[in-house]
C-alpha cells in the first residue's frame, strides 16, 4: 500500500473515533445493528431525552438476541402505550448513575469479596460477580446476564453489552 493511502486511512480512522467519542450513549446505541430492539423500547418508554442528558450513566444494553429470550408476546405487551411506566422501570433497571468501566467493576467485585452491588436508576439493585474472568450481572429475580462487550464510551457515559434482559422485582 502506498504511504499516501496509509496516511489517509489513519486520518479517517482518527476522525471516526473522535466523532464516536463525542456521541452520547443513545446515539452510539442507535448506530448498533445489535440493539434495534433496545432503541425501540427506549423510544416507547420516552427515555431518549433522559439518556441524552449529561449523566454520566453506565448502561447495560441488551442485544436483540437478549430480547428474543423473553417469553412470547411479553415484549409486544410492554410496547403497548398503557405499559409505558412498566417498560420505563425495566429499562431504568439497566442504568446506573455514574460511569463504571469493566476494570472498575472487577476491582469492586474483588474488594467486596466476590460480589459488588449496583444501585440502578429505578432504585433496585443488581449484583456483579465474576465467572471465568467475565462479569456476570444477577437481577432481583435471580436471572443472570453476561457482559459480552464492555467499555463503549460516550460523552455522557459508558455502555456494556449484555446477553439477557434484566428483570426488576415487581
C-alpha atoms as a PDB file:
ATOM      1  CA  UNK A   1       0.000   0.000   0.000  1.00  0.00           C
ATOM      2  CA  UNK A   2       1.244   3.487  -0.802  1.00  0.00           C
ATOM      3  CA  UNK A   3       2.310   5.706   2.129  1.00  0.00           C
ATOM      4  CA  UNK A   4      -0.222   8.333   0.998  1.00  0.00           C
ATOM      5  CA  UNK A   5      -3.047   5.786   1.336  1.00  0.00           C
ATOM      6  CA  UNK A   6      -1.854   4.712   4.787  1.00  0.00           C
ATOM      7  CA  UNK A   7      -1.880   8.320   5.978  1.00  0.00           C
ATOM      8  CA  UNK A   8      -5.361   8.864   4.529  1.00  0.00           C
ATOM      9  CA  UNK A   9      -6.682   5.746   6.304  1.00  0.00           C
ATOM     10  CA  UNK A  10      -5.080   6.870   9.580  1.00  0.00           C
ATOM     11  CA  UNK A  11      -6.665  10.342   9.316  1.00  0.00           C
ATOM     12  CA  UNK A  12     -10.107   8.925   8.510  1.00  0.00           C
ATOM     13  CA  UNK A  13      -9.836   6.453  11.406  1.00  0.00           C
ATOM     14  CA  UNK A  14      -8.822   9.220  13.826  1.00  0.00           C
ATOM     15  CA  UNK A  15     -11.761  11.413  12.879  1.00  0.00           C
ATOM     16  CA  UNK A  16     -14.180   8.470  13.024  1.00  0.00           C
ATOM     17  CA  UNK A  17     -13.025   7.567  16.539  1.00  0.00           C
ATOM     18  CA  UNK A  18     -13.145  11.215  17.636  1.00  0.00           C
ATOM     19  CA  UNK A  19     -16.695  11.593  16.354  1.00  0.00           C
ATOM     20  CA  UNK A  20     -17.728   8.343  18.061  1.00  0.00           C
ATOM     21  CA  UNK A  21     -16.293   9.527  21.388  1.00  0.00           C
ATOM     22  CA  UNK A  22     -18.256  12.775  21.043  1.00  0.00           C
ATOM     23  CA  UNK A  23     -21.569  10.915  20.655  1.00  0.00           C
ATOM     24  CA  UNK A  24     -23.858  10.373  23.614  1.00  0.00           C
ATOM     25  CA  UNK A  25     -24.829   6.873  24.719  1.00  0.00           C
ATOM     26  CA  UNK A  26     -28.153   6.938  22.847  1.00  0.00           C
ATOM     27  CA  UNK A  27     -26.505   7.944  19.569  1.00  0.00           C
ATOM     28  CA  UNK A  28     -23.950   5.150  19.986  1.00  0.00           C
ATOM     29  CA  UNK A  29     -26.684   2.576  20.589  1.00  0.00           C
ATOM     30  CA  UNK A  30     -28.601   3.944  17.577  1.00  0.00           C
ATOM     31  CA  UNK A  31     -25.632   3.004  15.390  1.00  0.00           C
ATOM     32  CA  UNK A  32     -25.635  -0.602  16.576  1.00  0.00           C
ATOM     33  CA  UNK A  33     -27.484  -3.158  14.458  1.00  0.00           C
ATOM     34  CA  UNK A  34     -27.444  -5.442  17.516  1.00  0.00           C
ATOM     35  CA  UNK A  35     -29.538  -3.026  19.595  1.00  0.00           C
ATOM     36  CA  UNK A  36     -32.501  -2.092  17.390  1.00  0.00           C
ATOM     37  CA  UNK A  37     -34.976  -3.612  19.853  1.00  0.00           C
ATOM     38  CA  UNK A  38     -33.358  -1.766  22.769  1.00  0.00           C
ATOM     39  CA  UNK A  39     -33.710   1.516  20.869  1.00  0.00           C
ATOM     40  CA  UNK A  40     -37.355   0.716  20.085  1.00  0.00           C
ATOM     41  CA  UNK A  41     -38.023   0.155  23.787  1.00  0.00           C
ATOM     42  CA  UNK A  42     -36.162   3.307  24.852  1.00  0.00           C
ATOM     43  CA  UNK A  43     -38.277   5.334  22.415  1.00  0.00           C
ATOM     44  CA  UNK A  44     -41.531   3.665  23.521  1.00  0.00           C
ATOM     45  CA  UNK A  45     -40.706   4.354  27.185  1.00  0.00           C
ATOM     46  CA  UNK A  46     -39.921   8.006  26.453  1.00  0.00           C
ATOM     47  CA  UNK A  47     -36.354   7.725  27.758  1.00  0.00           C
ATOM     48  CA  UNK A  48     -34.383   9.063  24.781  1.00  0.00           C
ATOM     49  CA  UNK A  49     -34.166  12.647  26.071  1.00  0.00           C
ATOM     50  CA  UNK A  50     -33.270  11.459  29.586  1.00  0.00           C
ATOM     51  CA  UNK A  51     -30.405   9.294  28.316  1.00  0.00           C
ATOM     52  CA  UNK A  52     -29.128  12.195  26.216  1.00  0.00           C
ATOM     53  CA  UNK A  53     -28.656  14.324  29.357  1.00  0.00           C
ATOM     54  CA  UNK A  54     -25.208  14.924  30.850  1.00  0.00           C
ATOM     55  CA  UNK A  55     -25.149  11.822  33.040  1.00  0.00           C
ATOM     56  CA  UNK A  56     -22.804  10.132  33.412  1.00  0.00           C
ATOM     57  CA  UNK A  57     -24.534   6.789  33.035  1.00  0.00           C
ATOM     58  CA  UNK A  58     -23.471   3.181  32.918  1.00  0.00           C
ATOM     59  CA  UNK A  59     -25.863   1.322  30.649  1.00  0.00           C
ATOM     60  CA  UNK A  60     -26.193  -2.439  30.448  1.00  0.00           C
ATOM     61  CA  UNK A  61     -27.551  -2.634  26.895  1.00  0.00           C
ATOM     62  CA  UNK A  62     -29.372  -5.860  25.978  1.00  0.00           C
ATOM     63  CA  UNK A  63     -28.910  -7.095  22.424  1.00  0.00           C
ATOM     64  CA  UNK A  64     -31.717  -8.040  20.065  1.00  0.00           C
ATOM     65  CA  UNK A  65     -30.948 -11.678  20.926  1.00  0.00           C
ATOM     66  CA  UNK A  66     -31.399 -10.848  24.617  1.00  0.00           C
ATOM     67  CA  UNK A  67     -34.891  -9.524  23.903  1.00  0.00           C
ATOM     68  CA  UNK A  68     -35.607 -12.665  21.854  1.00  0.00           C
ATOM     69  CA  UNK A  69     -35.144 -14.697  25.060  1.00  0.00           C
ATOM     70  CA  UNK A  70     -38.204 -13.046  26.634  1.00  0.00           C
ATOM     71  CA  UNK A  71     -41.391 -15.113  26.807  1.00  0.00           C
ATOM     72  CA  UNK A  72     -43.540 -14.876  23.667  1.00  0.00           C
ATOM     73  CA  UNK A  73     -45.668 -11.719  23.471  1.00  0.00           C
ATOM     74  CA  UNK A  74     -44.015 -10.124  26.549  1.00  0.00           C
ATOM     75  CA  UNK A  75     -42.149  -7.530  24.504  1.00  0.00           C
ATOM     76  CA  UNK A  76     -45.208  -6.707  22.383  1.00  0.00           C
ATOM     77  CA  UNK A  77     -47.195  -6.289  25.590  1.00  0.00           C
ATOM     78  CA  UNK A  78     -44.557  -3.990  27.109  1.00  0.00           C
ATOM     79  CA  UNK A  79     -44.581  -1.820  23.979  1.00  0.00           C
ATOM     80  CA  UNK A  80     -48.294  -1.048  24.409  1.00  0.00           C
ATOM     81  CA  UNK A  81     -48.755   2.592  25.492  1.00  0.00           C
ATOM     82  CA  UNK A  82     -50.629   1.548  28.645  1.00  0.00           C
ATOM     83  CA  UNK A  83     -47.478  -0.285  29.818  1.00  0.00           C
ATOM     84  CA  UNK A  84     -45.108   2.651  29.317  1.00  0.00           C
ATOM     85  CA  UNK A  85     -44.385   3.018  33.071  1.00  0.00           C
ATOM     86  CA  UNK A  86     -43.554  -0.696  33.421  1.00  0.00           C
ATOM     87  CA  UNK A  87     -41.300  -0.571  30.369  1.00  0.00           C
ATOM     88  CA  UNK A  88     -39.553   2.557  31.703  1.00  0.00           C
ATOM     89  CA  UNK A  89     -38.978   0.780  35.028  1.00  0.00           C
ATOM     90  CA  UNK A  90     -37.448  -2.259  33.306  1.00  0.00           C
ATOM     91  CA  UNK A  91     -35.190  -0.094  31.135  1.00  0.00           C
ATOM     92  CA  UNK A  92     -34.085   2.151  34.006  1.00  0.00           C
ATOM     93  CA  UNK A  93     -33.118  -1.080  35.780  1.00  0.00           C
ATOM     94  CA  UNK A  94     -30.390  -1.361  33.115  1.00  0.00           C
ATOM     95  CA  UNK A  95     -28.935   2.058  34.023  1.00  0.00           C
ATOM     96  CA  UNK A  96     -26.565   3.031  36.833  1.00  0.00           C
ATOM     97  CA  UNK A  97     -25.917   6.655  37.772  1.00  0.00           C
ATOM     98  CA  UNK A  98     -22.205   7.259  37.230  1.00  0.00           C
ATOM     99  CA  UNK A  99     -19.681   5.786  34.863  1.00  0.00           C
ATOM    100  CA  UNK A 100     -18.186   2.381  35.696  1.00  0.00           C
ATOM    101  CA  UNK A 101     -15.620   0.736  33.437  1.00  0.00           C
ATOM    102  CA  UNK A 102     -15.105  -3.011  33.261  1.00  0.00           C
ATOM    103  CA  UNK A 103     -11.897  -2.642  35.290  1.00  0.00           C
ATOM    104  CA  UNK A 104     -13.666  -0.601  37.980  1.00  0.00           C
ATOM    105  CA  UNK A 105     -16.441  -3.191  38.284  1.00  0.00           C
ATOM    106  CA  UNK A 106     -13.908  -6.033  38.543  1.00  0.00           C
ATOM    107  CA  UNK A 107     -11.895  -4.127  41.166  1.00  0.00           C
ATOM    108  CA  UNK A 108     -15.040  -3.513  43.245  1.00  0.00           C
ATOM    109  CA  UNK A 109     -16.026  -7.190  42.966  1.00  0.00           C
ATOM    110  CA  UNK A 110     -12.584  -8.161  44.270  1.00  0.00           C
ATOM    111  CA  UNK A 111     -12.611  -5.580  47.081  1.00  0.00           C
ATOM    112  CA  UNK A 112     -16.112  -6.672  48.140  1.00  0.00           C
ATOM    113  CA  UNK A 113     -15.067 -10.341  48.434  1.00  0.00           C
ATOM    114  CA  UNK A 114     -16.598 -11.625  45.214  1.00  0.00           C
ATOM    115  CA  UNK A 115     -19.690  -9.548  44.586  1.00  0.00           C
ATOM    116  CA  UNK A 116     -20.493  -5.904  44.045  1.00  0.00           C
ATOM    117  CA  UNK A 117     -23.989  -4.447  44.490  1.00  0.00           C
ATOM    118  CA  UNK A 118     -25.056  -1.804  41.994  1.00  0.00           C
ATOM    119  CA  UNK A 119     -27.949   0.583  42.638  1.00  0.00           C
ATOM    120  CA  UNK A 120     -29.935   1.159  39.450  1.00  0.00           C
ATOM    121  CA  UNK A 121     -31.720   4.325  38.400  1.00  0.00           C
ATOM    122  CA  UNK A 122     -35.061   2.642  39.161  1.00  0.00           C
ATOM    123  CA  UNK A 123     -33.949   2.194  42.801  1.00  0.00           C
ATOM    124  CA  UNK A 124     -33.429  -1.566  42.751  1.00  0.00           C
ATOM    125  CA  UNK A 125     -30.176  -3.490  42.928  1.00  0.00           C
ATOM    126  CA  UNK A 126     -28.093  -5.638  40.619  1.00  0.00           C
ATOM    127  CA  UNK A 127     -25.207  -7.821  41.786  1.00  0.00           C
ATOM    128  CA  UNK A 128     -21.986  -8.125  39.783  1.00  0.00           C
ATOM    129  CA  UNK A 129     -19.772 -11.191  40.165  1.00  0.00           C
ATOM    130  CA  UNK A 130     -17.054 -12.887  38.155  1.00  0.00           C
ATOM    131  CA  UNK A 131     -17.309 -16.246  36.409  1.00  0.00           C
ATOM    132  CA  UNK A 132     -14.393 -17.456  34.294  1.00  0.00           C
ATOM    133  CA  UNK A 133     -12.973 -13.895  34.410  1.00  0.00           C
ATOM    134  CA  UNK A 134     -16.153 -12.437  32.879  1.00  0.00           C
ATOM    135  CA  UNK A 135     -18.583 -10.112  34.621  1.00  0.00           C
ATOM    136  CA  UNK A 136     -21.976 -11.626  35.388  1.00  0.00           C
ATOM    137  CA  UNK A 137     -24.894  -9.438  36.450  1.00  0.00           C
ATOM    138  CA  UNK A 138     -27.636 -11.018  38.567  1.00  0.00           C
ATOM    139  CA  UNK A 139     -31.030  -9.328  38.785  1.00  0.00           C
ATOM    140  CA  UNK A 140     -33.546  -9.421  41.642  1.00  0.00           C
ATOM    141  CA  UNK A 141     -35.315 -12.421  40.097  1.00  0.00           C
ATOM    142  CA  UNK A 142     -32.087 -14.461  40.128  1.00  0.00           C
ATOM    143  CA  UNK A 143     -31.565 -14.378  36.358  1.00  0.00           C
ATOM    144  CA  UNK A 144     -28.041 -13.715  35.130  1.00  0.00           C
ATOM    145  CA  UNK A 145     -26.638 -11.756  32.225  1.00  0.00           C
ATOM    146  CA  UNK A 146     -23.108 -11.856  30.882  1.00  0.00           C
ATOM    147  CA  UNK A 147     -21.264  -8.732  29.771  1.00  0.00           C
ATOM    148  CA  UNK A 148     -20.281  -9.627  26.214  1.00  0.00           C
ATOM    149  CA  UNK A 149     -18.729  -6.309  25.214  1.00  0.00           C
ATOM    150  CA  UNK A 150     -17.543  -3.619  27.586  1.00  0.00           C
ATOM    151  CA  UNK A 151     -16.306  -0.057  27.849  1.00  0.00           C
ATOM    152  CA  UNK A 152     -18.066   1.562  24.889  1.00  0.00           C
ATOM    153  CA  UNK A 153     -17.506   5.186  25.825  1.00  0.00           C
ATOM    154  CA  UNK A 154     -19.799   8.079  25.023  1.00  0.00           C
ATOM    155  CA  UNK A 155     -19.623  11.680  26.078  1.00  0.00           C
ATOM    156  CA  UNK A 156     -22.235  11.111  28.814  1.00  0.00           C
ATOM    157  CA  UNK A 157     -21.431   7.616  29.966  1.00  0.00           C
ATOM    158  CA  UNK A 158     -20.360   4.104  29.188  1.00  0.00           C
ATOM    159  CA  UNK A 159     -22.139   1.127  27.645  1.00  0.00           C
ATOM    160  CA  UNK A 160     -21.666  -2.545  28.448  1.00  0.00           C
ATOM    161  CA  UNK A 161     -23.469  -5.035  26.194  1.00  0.00           C
ATOM    162  CA  UNK A 162     -25.406  -7.785  27.972  1.00  0.00           C
ATOM    163  CA  UNK A 163     -26.858 -11.024  26.645  1.00  0.00           C
ATOM    164  CA  UNK A 164     -30.055 -11.106  28.725  1.00  0.00           C
ATOM    165  CA  UNK A 165     -32.732  -8.553  29.613  1.00  0.00           C
ATOM    166  CA  UNK A 166     -32.538  -7.844  33.347  1.00  0.00           C
ATOM    167  CA  UNK A 167     -35.764  -8.017  35.363  1.00  0.00           C
ATOM    168  CA  UNK A 168     -36.512  -5.910  38.423  1.00  0.00           C
ATOM    169  CA  UNK A 169     -38.876  -7.202  41.089  1.00  0.00           C
ATOM    170  CA  UNK A 170     -42.468  -6.012  40.721  1.00  0.00           C
END
